[in-house]
Amino acid sequence: MEVRFTDDEIAEALTIIVNRIADEAGLSDKDRAMLKRWRSSNMKLGSDDMDDLVEKVNDDFARGIARRQRSQIRKPDWRD
């Protein structure tokens, strides 16, 4: 099974995560603005940083699925 996230999906997830961190981490207004500015300026669709993030997320997700499938194969029947 292969699951690949699109650039748009990763960008949306990043936006949600950054906004939640900014709102709930107890950051100062200056730090919250700096974090959101970083996301909007450095992590634009098509930027090298965003492309690297999309590749990393997809690779990590694929590795996790493969590891989980292997562990299910090796799991003894008596260990439900």
N, C-alpha and C. Protein backbone atom coordinates (compact mmCIF):
# COMPACT_ATOMS: atom_id res chain seq x y z
N MET A 1 0.85 -1.17 0.00
CA MET A 1 0.00 0.00 0.00
C MET A 1 0.89 1.24 0.00
N GLU A 2 0.60 2.16 -0.88
CA GLU A 2 1.38 3.40 -0.91
C GLU A 2 0.44 4.58 -0.73
N VAL A 3 0.78 5.40 0.23
CA VAL A 3 0.03 6.62 0.49
C VAL A 3 1.00 7.77 0.30
N ARG A 4 0.62 8.73 -0.52
CA ARG A 4 1.45 9.91 -0.75
C ARG A 4 0.60 11.15 -0.48
N PHE A 5 1.11 12.03 0.35
CA PHE A 5 0.44 13.29 0.62
C PHE A 5 0.86 14.32 -0.42
N THR A 6 -0.07 15.17 -0.82
CA THR A 6 0.24 16.22 -1.78
C THR A 6 0.84 17.42 -1.05
N ASP A 7 1.41 18.31 -1.82
CA ASP A 7 1.96 19.55 -1.25
C ASP A 7 0.88 20.33 -0.51
N ASP A 8 -0.31 20.39 -1.09
CA ASP A 8 -1.41 21.13 -0.47
C ASP A 8 -1.81 20.52 0.88
N GLU A 9 -1.84 19.21 0.94
CA GLU A 9 -2.22 18.55 2.20
C GLU A 9 -1.20 18.82 3.30
N ILE A 10 0.08 18.76 2.95
CA ILE A 10 1.13 19.02 3.94
C ILE A 10 1.12 20.49 4.34
N ALA A 11 0.91 21.38 3.39
CA ALA A 11 0.86 22.82 3.70
C ALA A 11 -0.29 23.12 4.66
N GLU A 12 -1.44 22.50 4.43
CA GLU A 12 -2.59 22.70 5.31
C GLU A 12 -2.32 22.15 6.71
N ALA A 13 -1.72 20.97 6.77
CA ALA A 13 -1.38 20.38 8.07
C ALA A 13 -0.37 21.27 8.81
N LEU A 14 0.62 21.78 8.10
CA LEU A 14 1.60 22.67 8.71
C LEU A 14 0.95 23.94 9.24
N THR A 15 0.02 24.49 8.48
CA THR A 15 -0.70 25.69 8.92
C THR A 15 -1.46 25.42 10.21
N ILE A 16 -2.15 24.30 10.27
CA ILE A 16 -2.90 23.95 11.47
C ILE A 16 -1.98 23.77 12.67
N ILE A 17 -0.88 23.06 12.46
CA ILE A 17 0.06 22.81 13.56
C ILE A 17 0.69 24.11 14.05
N VAL A 18 1.16 24.93 13.13
CA VAL A 18 1.80 26.20 13.52
C VAL A 18 0.80 27.10 14.24
N ASN A 19 -0.42 27.18 13.74
CA ASN A 19 -1.43 28.01 14.41
C ASN A 19 -1.73 27.50 15.81
N ARG A 20 -1.81 26.21 15.95
CA ARG A 20 -2.09 25.64 17.28
C ARG A 20 -0.93 25.91 18.23
N ILE A 21 0.29 25.72 17.75
CA ILE A 21 1.46 26.02 18.59
C ILE A 21 1.44 27.49 18.98
N ALA A 22 1.20 28.35 18.01
CA ALA A 22 1.20 29.79 18.28
C ALA A 22 0.13 30.17 19.30
N ASP A 23 -1.01 29.51 19.25
CA ASP A 23 -2.11 29.86 20.14
C ASP A 23 -1.99 29.23 21.53
N GLU A 24 -1.41 28.03 21.62
CA GLU A 24 -1.45 27.30 22.88
C GLU A 24 -0.11 27.18 23.61
N ALA A 25 0.96 27.64 23.03
CA ALA A 25 2.27 27.46 23.64
C ALA A 25 2.64 28.56 24.62
N GLY A 26 1.78 29.52 24.78
CA GLY A 26 2.09 30.60 25.70
C GLY A 26 3.17 31.54 25.18
N LEU A 27 3.25 31.67 23.88
CA LEU A 27 4.25 32.55 23.27
C LEU A 27 3.82 34.00 23.40
N SER A 28 4.82 34.86 23.40
CA SER A 28 4.52 36.29 23.40
C SER A 28 3.94 36.66 22.04
N ASP A 29 3.31 37.81 21.95
CA ASP A 29 2.75 38.26 20.68
C ASP A 29 3.83 38.36 19.61
N LYS A 30 5.01 38.82 20.00
CA LYS A 30 6.12 38.96 19.07
C LYS A 30 6.55 37.59 18.54
N ASP A 31 6.69 36.61 19.44
CA ASP A 31 7.10 35.27 19.02
C ASP A 31 6.03 34.59 18.18
N ARG A 32 4.78 34.78 18.54
CA ARG A 32 3.67 34.20 17.77
C ARG A 32 3.67 34.77 16.35
N ALA A 33 3.86 36.07 16.23
CA ALA A 33 3.90 36.71 14.91
C ALA A 33 5.11 36.23 14.11
N MET A 34 6.25 36.05 14.78
CA MET A 34 7.45 35.58 14.11
C MET A 34 7.25 34.15 13.58
N LEU A 35 6.61 33.29 14.36
CA LEU A 35 6.35 31.92 13.94
C LEU A 35 5.42 31.89 12.72
N LYS A 36 4.36 32.67 12.78
CA LYS A 36 3.43 32.71 11.65
C LYS A 36 4.07 33.34 10.41
N ARG A 37 4.91 34.33 10.61
CA ARG A 37 5.62 34.96 9.49
C ARG A 37 6.59 33.95 8.85
N TRP A 38 7.27 33.15 9.69
CA TRP A 38 8.17 32.11 9.17
C TRP A 38 7.39 31.14 8.28
N ARG A 39 6.23 30.69 8.78
CA ARG A 39 5.44 29.73 8.00
C ARG A 39 5.00 30.33 6.68
N SER A 40 4.51 31.56 6.71
CA SER A 40 3.98 32.15 5.48
C SER A 40 5.08 32.56 4.50
N SER A 41 6.26 32.87 4.98
CA SER A 41 7.32 33.30 4.05
C SER A 41 8.25 32.16 3.64
N ASN A 42 8.63 31.30 4.56
CA ASN A 42 9.60 30.24 4.25
C ASN A 42 8.95 28.95 3.76
N MET A 43 7.74 28.69 4.17
CA MET A 43 7.11 27.40 3.86
C MET A 43 6.00 27.55 2.82
N LYS A 44 6.27 28.33 1.79
CA LYS A 44 5.32 28.52 0.69
C LYS A 44 5.33 27.29 -0.20
N LEU A 45 4.18 27.03 -0.83
CA LEU A 45 4.12 25.93 -1.79
C LEU A 45 5.15 26.16 -2.88
N GLY A 46 5.89 25.13 -3.21
CA GLY A 46 6.89 25.23 -4.26
C GLY A 46 8.27 25.65 -3.78
N SER A 47 8.38 26.09 -2.53
CA SER A 47 9.70 26.48 -2.02
C SER A 47 10.52 25.21 -1.74
N ASP A 48 11.82 25.37 -1.71
CA ASP A 48 12.69 24.22 -1.43
C ASP A 48 12.40 23.62 -0.05
N ASP A 49 12.18 24.50 0.94
CA ASP A 49 11.89 24.01 2.29
C ASP A 49 10.59 23.21 2.32
N MET A 50 9.57 23.67 1.63
CA MET A 50 8.31 22.95 1.61
C MET A 50 8.45 21.64 0.84
N ASP A 51 9.16 21.66 -0.26
CA ASP A 51 9.39 20.43 -1.01
C ASP A 51 10.13 19.40 -0.16
N ASP A 52 11.12 19.85 0.61
CA ASP A 52 11.85 18.96 1.50
C ASP A 52 10.93 18.38 2.57
N LEU A 53 10.06 19.22 3.12
CA LEU A 53 9.13 18.76 4.14
C LEU A 53 8.16 17.71 3.58
N VAL A 54 7.62 17.95 2.40
CA VAL A 54 6.69 17.01 1.78
C VAL A 54 7.39 15.67 1.54
N GLU A 55 8.61 15.72 1.03
CA GLU A 55 9.36 14.49 0.79
C GLU A 55 9.62 13.74 2.09
N LYS A 56 10.02 14.46 3.13
CA LYS A 56 10.31 13.84 4.42
C LYS A 56 9.06 13.22 5.03
N VAL A 57 7.95 13.94 4.99
CA VAL A 57 6.69 13.41 5.55
C VAL A 57 6.29 12.14 4.82
N ASN A 58 6.34 12.17 3.50
CA ASN A 58 5.96 10.99 2.73
C ASN A 58 6.90 9.81 2.98
N ASP A 59 8.19 10.07 3.05
CA ASP A 59 9.15 8.99 3.35
C ASP A 59 8.93 8.41 4.74
N ASP A 60 8.74 9.27 5.73
CA ASP A 60 8.52 8.80 7.10
C ASP A 60 7.22 8.01 7.21
N PHE A 61 6.18 8.48 6.54
CA PHE A 61 4.90 7.78 6.58
C PHE A 61 5.01 6.41 5.93
N ALA A 62 5.68 6.33 4.79
CA ALA A 62 5.87 5.06 4.09
C ALA A 62 6.68 4.10 4.95
N ARG A 63 7.72 4.60 5.59
CA ARG A 63 8.55 3.76 6.46
C ARG A 63 7.73 3.24 7.64
N GLY A 64 6.88 4.08 8.21
CA GLY A 64 6.03 3.65 9.32
C GLY A 64 5.04 2.58 8.92
N ILE A 65 4.45 2.73 7.73
CA ILE A 65 3.52 1.71 7.23
C ILE A 65 4.25 0.39 7.00
N ALA A 66 5.44 0.46 6.38
CA ALA A 66 6.21 -0.75 6.12
C ALA A 66 6.60 -1.45 7.42
N ARG A 67 7.01 -0.67 8.41
CA ARG A 67 7.39 -1.25 9.70
C ARG A 67 6.19 -1.91 10.36
N ARG A 68 5.06 -1.27 10.27
CA ARG A 68 3.85 -1.83 10.88
C ARG A 68 3.43 -3.12 10.17
N GLN A 69 3.54 -3.15 8.86
CA GLN A 69 3.20 -4.36 8.11
C GLN A 69 4.15 -5.50 8.47
N ARG A 70 5.44 -5.19 8.60
CA ARG A 70 6.41 -6.23 8.98
C ARG A 70 6.11 -6.76 10.37
N SER A 71 5.79 -5.87 11.30
CA SER A 71 5.54 -6.31 12.67
C SER A 71 4.27 -7.15 12.74
N GLN A 72 3.29 -6.88 11.90
CA GLN A 72 2.08 -7.70 11.87
C GLN A 72 2.38 -9.09 11.34
N ILE A 73 3.28 -9.17 10.39
CA ILE A 73 3.65 -10.47 9.82
C ILE A 73 4.37 -11.31 10.86
N ARG A 74 5.25 -10.72 11.64
CA ARG A 74 6.04 -11.44 12.63
C ARG A 74 5.28 -11.71 13.93
N LYS A 75 4.17 -11.05 14.12
CA LYS A 75 3.43 -11.16 15.38
C LYS A 75 2.88 -12.58 15.53
N PRO A 76 3.20 -13.25 16.63
CA PRO A 76 2.66 -14.61 16.84
C PRO A 76 1.15 -14.56 17.02
N ASP A 77 0.49 -15.61 16.60
CA ASP A 77 -0.97 -15.70 16.69
C ASP A 77 -1.46 -15.63 18.13
N TRP A 78 -0.70 -16.13 19.06
CA TRP A 78 -1.15 -16.19 20.45
C TRP A 78 -1.02 -14.86 21.16
N ARG A 79 -0.46 -13.84 20.52
CA ARG A 79 -0.27 -12.51 21.18
C ARG A 79 -1.26 -11.49 20.67
N ASP A 80 -2.48 -11.80 20.56
CA ASP A 80 -3.47 -10.84 20.07
C ASP A 80 -3.49 -9.68 21.00
